[in-house]
């Protein structure tokens, strides 16, 4: 599979290093998801690099993609004249830190990500998940470098109807007395006005209520026909239409009708989450405290069962209601 970014014209005039015949050491800044994909891109081009650099102390001295991860101080000691490619969404802060340390050959990683040959790809993320991350990174870097505040994703509360009434609902849907319900064509007409005004949106995230009470084949076909990436967050009680690209499931009580999940997110209240995960298999699993009341308990469980990751409702932690 060869991936092509949809709008390379946005970056046609951006500086990029000449990697062939480079006479300085090359270092990647950011040993994370984007860094792993960037390392694959360099490998497919036959370009060697010296190391990864990262500000996270727990990564120092470890191996990432077959290369050592070093600290910023170690970078300056070993490779004072390095060409540095920033493989992180935090482009501005990394650039300023490198510039303050005297580096001049500093580049973002966007030029590496315009076309990706996934042949021989062996990084832990699936190709689909990798593309999702790099497109978010590209948008973030572009926004920071152009200071344009580009919006590349749209989160749409498509309905306040729901198939369940959960007391821990983060959007307080059970208290909505007159749930909205609009025809698909009316939603698409209004959505097109927003998309046309924003211009750069490539990902549309639907939530609710239960979005699958409203998101039908007509809406999905219209969005896919226009080239959009569709994500949903569902409670798992309804089947997912063909064409939805990413499914986050936050399941409640069975029975469940969902047939595929990319990301499982469970509000933890001491229930048997391993049983739920066995019935609803997903490559990524998250546990979330219930209304921020049992965060320590959730963290303790995750430390003992590290195949789970932590998800937080930050608005509840800081008491925004």
Protein backbone atom coordinates (compact mmCIF):
# COMPACT_ATOMS: atom_id res chain seq x y z
CA UNK A 1 0.00 0.00 0.00
CA UNK A 2 1.20 3.50 -0.87
CA UNK A 3 -0.39 6.40 0.98
CA UNK A 4 -0.63 9.87 -0.60
CA UNK A 5 -1.53 12.95 1.41
CA UNK A 6 -4.52 14.64 -0.22
CA UNK A 7 -3.12 18.19 -0.39
CA UNK A 8 0.64 18.25 -1.03
CA UNK A 9 0.21 21.68 -2.62
CA UNK A 10 -0.10 23.18 0.89
CA UNK A 11 3.57 22.39 1.51
CA UNK A 12 5.15 22.87 -1.90
CA UNK A 13 7.21 25.88 -0.81
CA UNK A 14 8.33 24.53 2.56
CA UNK A 15 12.03 23.90 3.19
CA UNK A 16 13.21 20.33 3.41
CA UNK A 17 16.67 18.80 3.80
CA UNK A 18 18.51 17.08 0.99
CA UNK A 19 18.81 13.64 2.53
CA UNK A 20 20.89 11.96 -0.15
CA UNK A 21 24.58 12.59 0.42
CA UNK A 22 23.96 14.31 3.76
CA UNK A 23 27.36 15.05 5.34
CA UNK A 24 26.00 15.70 8.85
CA UNK A 25 24.43 13.31 11.35
CA UNK A 26 20.64 13.10 11.11
CA UNK A 27 18.56 12.93 14.30
CA UNK A 28 14.80 12.50 14.76
CA UNK A 29 13.24 14.55 17.56
CA UNK A 30 10.32 12.65 19.09
CA UNK A 31 10.34 8.91 19.84
CA UNK A 32 6.60 8.41 19.51
CA UNK A 33 3.92 7.43 17.02
CA UNK A 34 4.87 9.92 14.32
CA UNK A 35 8.56 9.23 14.93
CA UNK A 36 8.01 5.54 14.25
CA UNK A 37 6.33 6.25 10.91
CA UNK A 38 9.02 8.79 9.99
CA UNK A 39 11.69 6.18 10.77
CA UNK A 40 9.94 3.77 8.39
CA UNK A 41 9.89 6.47 5.69
CA UNK A 42 13.64 7.02 6.05
CA UNK A 43 14.23 3.27 5.90
CA UNK A 44 12.27 2.89 2.67
CA UNK A 45 14.36 5.72 1.17
CA UNK A 46 17.63 4.14 2.28
CA UNK A 47 18.49 7.06 4.56
CA UNK A 48 20.45 6.40 7.76
CA UNK A 49 19.93 8.41 10.94
CA UNK A 50 21.97 8.51 14.13
CA UNK A 51 19.43 8.52 16.96
CA UNK A 52 16.13 9.69 18.36
CA UNK A 53 16.04 12.58 20.80
CA UNK A 54 13.17 13.05 23.25
CA UNK A 55 12.43 15.18 26.31
CA UNK A 56 10.78 12.24 28.14
CA UNK A 57 13.31 11.04 30.71
CA UNK A 58 11.87 7.52 30.86
CA UNK A 59 12.81 7.03 27.20
CA UNK A 60 16.47 8.04 27.57
CA UNK A 61 18.84 5.16 27.03
CA UNK A 62 16.13 2.91 25.54
CA UNK A 63 15.88 1.61 21.99
CA UNK A 64 13.19 2.85 19.60
CA UNK A 65 12.93 1.54 16.05
CA UNK A 66 16.39 0.05 16.47
CA UNK A 67 18.02 3.33 17.53
CA UNK A 68 19.00 4.82 20.87
CA UNK A 69 16.86 7.52 22.42
CA UNK A 70 18.99 10.31 23.86
CA UNK A 71 18.31 13.42 25.93
CA UNK A 72 18.60 16.99 24.58
CA UNK A 73 21.82 17.42 26.57
CA UNK A 74 23.24 14.23 25.07
CA UNK A 75 22.18 15.40 21.62
CA UNK A 76 24.19 18.58 22.05
CA UNK A 77 27.19 16.64 23.35
CA UNK A 78 27.26 13.97 20.65
CA UNK A 79 25.81 15.73 17.61
CA UNK A 80 26.31 19.51 17.91
CA UNK A 81 26.04 20.01 14.16
CA UNK A 82 23.18 17.56 13.50
CA UNK A 83 20.36 17.99 11.04
CA UNK A 84 17.25 17.54 13.19
CA UNK A 85 13.84 16.48 11.90
CA UNK A 86 11.02 17.17 14.37
CA UNK A 87 8.70 14.14 14.42
CA UNK A 88 6.22 15.49 16.94
CA UNK A 89 2.98 17.47 16.95
CA UNK A 90 4.67 19.93 19.34
CA UNK A 91 6.65 21.52 16.54
CA UNK A 92 6.95 25.07 17.88
CA UNK A 93 8.25 24.17 21.35
CA UNK A 94 10.74 21.66 19.90
CA UNK A 95 11.94 24.19 17.31
CA UNK A 96 12.47 26.89 19.92
CA UNK A 97 14.35 24.50 22.21
CA UNK A 98 16.65 23.39 19.39
CA UNK A 99 17.22 26.93 18.20
CA UNK A 100 18.16 28.02 21.73
CA UNK A 101 20.77 25.24 21.77
CA UNK A 102 22.39 26.59 18.63
CA UNK A 103 20.91 24.27 15.99
CA UNK A 104 20.21 25.75 12.58
CA UNK A 105 19.34 22.77 10.39
CA UNK A 106 15.90 22.12 11.86
CA UNK A 107 13.03 20.73 9.78
CA UNK A 108 9.52 19.44 10.35
CA UNK A 109 8.69 15.91 9.19
CA UNK A 110 5.86 16.84 6.82
CA UNK A 111 7.95 16.26 3.68
CA UNK A 112 8.49 12.63 4.76
CA UNK A 113 4.77 12.01 5.17
CA UNK A 114 3.42 13.24 1.83
CA UNK A 115 3.90 9.78 0.33
CA UNK A 116 4.41 6.65 2.41
CA UNK A 117 5.23 3.24 0.99
CA UNK A 118 3.99 0.79 3.62
CA UNK A 119 5.88 -2.14 2.09
CA UNK A 120 7.80 -3.89 4.87
CA UNK A 121 6.13 -1.72 7.51
CA UNK A 122 6.68 -3.28 10.95
CA UNK A 123 5.90 -0.50 13.44
CA UNK A 124 3.35 -1.44 16.13
CA UNK A 125 0.55 0.80 14.82
CA UNK A 126 -1.70 -0.53 12.08
CA UNK A 127 -1.44 1.30 8.77
CA UNK A 128 -4.87 2.84 9.29
CA UNK A 129 -3.98 4.02 12.78
CA UNK A 130 -0.66 5.38 11.50
CA UNK A 131 -2.38 7.41 8.78
CA UNK A 132 -4.81 8.82 11.33
CA UNK A 133 -1.90 9.98 13.50
CA UNK A 134 0.22 11.44 10.73
CA UNK A 135 -2.68 13.44 9.28
CA UNK A 136 -3.30 14.93 12.71
CA UNK A 137 0.41 15.73 12.98
CA UNK A 138 0.51 17.34 9.54
CA UNK A 139 -2.45 19.56 10.42
CA UNK A 140 -0.92 20.49 13.79
CA UNK A 141 2.45 21.40 12.27
CA UNK A 142 0.83 23.43 9.51
CA UNK A 143 -1.29 25.31 12.03
CA UNK A 144 1.75 26.11 14.19
CA UNK A 145 4.03 27.13 11.35
CA UNK A 146 1.49 29.31 9.56
CA UNK A 147 -0.15 30.52 12.80
CA UNK A 148 -3.44 30.05 11.01
CA UNK A 149 -5.37 28.05 13.61
CA UNK A 150 -6.34 25.45 11.03
CA UNK A 151 -9.22 23.17 11.99
CA UNK A 152 -8.79 19.73 10.45
CA UNK A 153 -11.37 17.86 12.52
CA UNK A 154 -15.01 18.52 13.27
CA UNK A 155 -16.79 17.03 16.30
CA UNK A 156 -20.52 16.90 15.68
CA UNK A 157 -23.14 16.07 18.28
CA UNK A 158 -25.47 14.62 15.69
CA UNK A 159 -28.33 13.78 18.05
CA UNK A 160 -29.41 13.97 21.67
CA UNK A 161 -31.42 10.77 21.30
CA UNK A 162 -29.93 7.69 22.92
CA UNK A 163 -30.75 4.01 23.20
CA UNK A 164 -29.68 4.04 26.87
CA UNK A 165 -29.96 6.26 29.95
CA UNK A 166 -26.59 6.15 31.71
CA UNK A 167 -26.20 8.01 34.99
CA UNK A 168 -22.50 8.73 34.23
CA UNK A 169 -23.20 10.26 30.80
CA UNK A 170 -20.61 12.97 30.16
CA UNK A 171 -23.12 14.97 28.09
CA UNK A 172 -26.04 14.56 30.52
CA UNK A 173 -28.23 13.12 27.77
CA UNK A 174 -30.69 11.49 30.24
CA UNK A 175 -31.74 14.99 31.30
CA UNK A 176 -32.64 16.11 27.76
CA UNK A 177 -36.44 16.20 27.74
CA UNK A 178 -36.95 16.80 24.00
CA UNK A 179 -34.18 15.00 22.04
CA UNK A 180 -33.44 16.41 18.60
CA UNK A 181 -34.08 14.33 15.50
CA UNK A 182 -33.44 15.84 12.06
CA UNK A 183 -33.74 14.39 8.54
CA UNK A 184 -30.43 13.23 7.06
CA UNK A 185 -30.64 15.63 4.14
CA UNK A 186 -31.16 18.60 6.46
CA UNK A 187 -28.13 17.57 8.52
CA UNK A 188 -26.01 17.17 5.37
CA UNK A 189 -27.08 20.57 4.04
CA UNK A 190 -26.09 22.34 7.28
CA UNK A 191 -22.92 20.27 7.61
CA UNK A 192 -21.82 21.22 4.09
CA UNK A 193 -22.15 24.91 4.99
CA UNK A 194 -19.81 24.39 7.97
CA UNK A 195 -17.35 22.29 5.96
CA UNK A 196 -17.26 24.84 3.14
CA UNK A 197 -16.63 27.66 5.60
CA UNK A 198 -13.78 25.85 7.38
CA UNK A 199 -12.21 24.52 4.22
CA UNK A 200 -9.53 22.27 5.75
CA UNK A 201 -11.63 19.68 7.59
CA UNK A 202 -10.76 16.10 6.67
CA UNK A 203 -12.11 14.17 9.68
CA UNK A 204 -15.69 14.27 10.95
CA UNK A 205 -16.35 12.81 14.40
CA UNK A 206 -19.95 11.93 15.27
CA UNK A 207 -21.21 11.48 18.80
CA UNK A 208 -24.48 11.90 20.65
CA UNK A 209 -26.61 10.65 22.39
CA UNK A 210 -26.19 7.54 20.34
CA UNK A 211 -24.97 8.71 16.91
CA UNK A 212 -26.05 5.52 15.16
CA UNK A 213 -29.68 6.45 15.81
CA UNK A 214 -29.08 9.29 13.35
CA UNK A 215 -26.03 8.43 11.23
CA UNK A 216 -27.44 6.46 8.32
CA UNK A 217 -26.17 5.20 4.96
CA UNK A 218 -27.20 8.44 3.23
CA UNK A 219 -24.99 10.59 5.45
CA UNK A 220 -22.10 8.14 5.32
CA UNK A 221 -22.19 7.87 1.51
CA UNK A 222 -22.33 11.66 1.13
CA UNK A 223 -19.32 12.21 3.39
CA UNK A 224 -17.25 9.37 1.94
CA UNK A 225 -18.04 10.58 -1.58
CA UNK A 226 -16.56 13.95 -0.59
CA UNK A 227 -13.39 12.29 0.75
CA UNK A 228 -13.98 12.62 4.50
CA UNK A 229 -12.72 10.27 7.21
CA UNK A 230 -15.62 9.31 9.51
CA UNK A 231 -15.24 8.53 13.22
CA UNK A 232 -17.95 7.69 15.74
CA UNK A 233 -18.31 7.06 19.46
CA UNK A 234 -21.10 4.57 20.14
CA UNK A 235 -22.47 2.55 23.07
CA UNK A 236 -22.41 -0.61 20.94
CA UNK A 237 -26.16 -1.22 20.94
CA UNK A 238 -26.56 -0.73 17.17
CA UNK A 239 -24.71 -2.04 14.08
CA UNK A 240 -22.20 0.27 12.37
CA UNK A 241 -22.94 1.35 8.78
CA UNK A 242 -20.48 0.41 6.06
CA UNK A 243 -18.08 3.26 5.37
CA UNK A 244 -17.38 4.41 8.93
CA UNK A 245 -13.59 4.52 9.27
CA UNK A 246 -13.02 4.53 13.03
CA UNK A 247 -15.24 3.14 15.78
CA UNK A 248 -14.83 3.98 19.46
CA UNK A 249 -17.16 1.89 21.58
CA UNK A 250 -18.05 2.77 25.16
CA UNK A 251 -20.25 -0.23 25.98
CA UNK A 252 -22.91 -0.35 28.66
CA UNK A 253 -25.21 -3.28 29.33
CA UNK A 254 -25.49 -6.13 26.82
CA UNK A 255 -26.87 -7.10 24.36
CA UNK A 256 -24.53 -5.47 21.88
CA UNK A 257 -25.08 -5.30 18.13
CA UNK A 258 -21.74 -3.78 17.14
CA UNK A 259 -19.63 -5.95 14.83
CA UNK A 260 -16.28 -4.12 14.81
CA UNK A 261 -14.38 -1.83 17.20
CA UNK A 262 -11.13 0.10 16.79
CA UNK A 263 -11.06 1.45 20.34
CA UNK A 264 -12.81 0.07 23.43
CA UNK A 265 -13.46 2.58 26.23
CA UNK A 266 -15.06 1.39 29.47
CA UNK A 267 -16.22 3.49 32.42
CA UNK A 268 -14.75 1.49 35.30
CA UNK A 269 -16.87 0.78 38.38
CA UNK A 270 -15.26 -2.46 39.50
CA UNK A 271 -17.02 -4.64 36.92
CA UNK A 272 -15.35 -7.53 35.08
CA UNK A 273 -13.80 -5.53 32.25
CA UNK A 274 -11.79 -8.51 31.03
CA UNK A 275 -15.01 -10.38 30.27
CA UNK A 276 -16.37 -7.38 28.38
CA UNK A 277 -13.12 -7.05 26.42
CA UNK A 278 -13.28 -10.74 25.48
CA UNK A 279 -16.80 -10.26 24.11
CA UNK A 280 -15.94 -6.98 22.38
CA UNK A 281 -12.37 -7.47 21.04
CA UNK A 282 -10.51 -4.32 20.06
CA UNK A 283 -6.84 -3.51 19.38
CA UNK A 284 -6.91 -0.53 21.78
CA UNK A 285 -8.45 -0.63 25.27
CA UNK A 286 -9.09 2.28 27.65
CA UNK A 287 -10.48 2.50 31.17
CA UNK A 288 -12.12 5.69 32.37
CA UNK A 289 -12.92 6.74 35.95
CA UNK A 290 -16.63 7.21 36.66
CA UNK A 291 -17.23 10.97 36.81
CA UNK A 292 -13.65 11.41 38.09
CA UNK A 293 -14.55 9.79 41.43
CA UNK A 294 -12.38 6.66 41.32
CA UNK A 295 -9.30 7.75 39.38
CA UNK A 296 -6.83 6.17 41.82
CA UNK A 297 -8.68 2.84 41.63
CA UNK A 298 -8.58 2.90 37.82
CA UNK A 299 -4.87 3.74 37.74
CA UNK A 300 -4.16 0.90 40.17
CA UNK A 301 -6.04 -1.55 37.95
CA UNK A 302 -4.18 -0.39 34.84
CA UNK A 303 -0.80 -0.73 36.54
CA UNK A 304 -1.69 -4.35 37.32
CA UNK A 305 -3.18 -4.94 33.86
CA UNK A 306 -1.01 -2.87 31.48
CA UNK A 307 -2.91 -3.94 28.34
CA UNK A 308 -5.35 -1.19 29.38
CA UNK A 309 -4.68 2.54 29.04
CA UNK A 310 -6.10 5.50 30.95
CA UNK A 311 -8.87 7.72 29.57
CA UNK A 312 -9.97 10.86 31.42
CA UNK A 313 -12.97 13.18 31.28
CA UNK A 314 -10.90 16.25 32.06
CA UNK A 315 -13.90 18.59 32.27
CA UNK A 316 -15.12 16.60 35.26
CA UNK A 317 -11.69 16.54 36.92
CA UNK A 318 -11.60 20.33 36.89
CA UNK A 319 -15.27 20.54 37.84
CA UNK A 320 -16.71 21.97 34.64
CA UNK A 321 -20.33 20.88 34.37
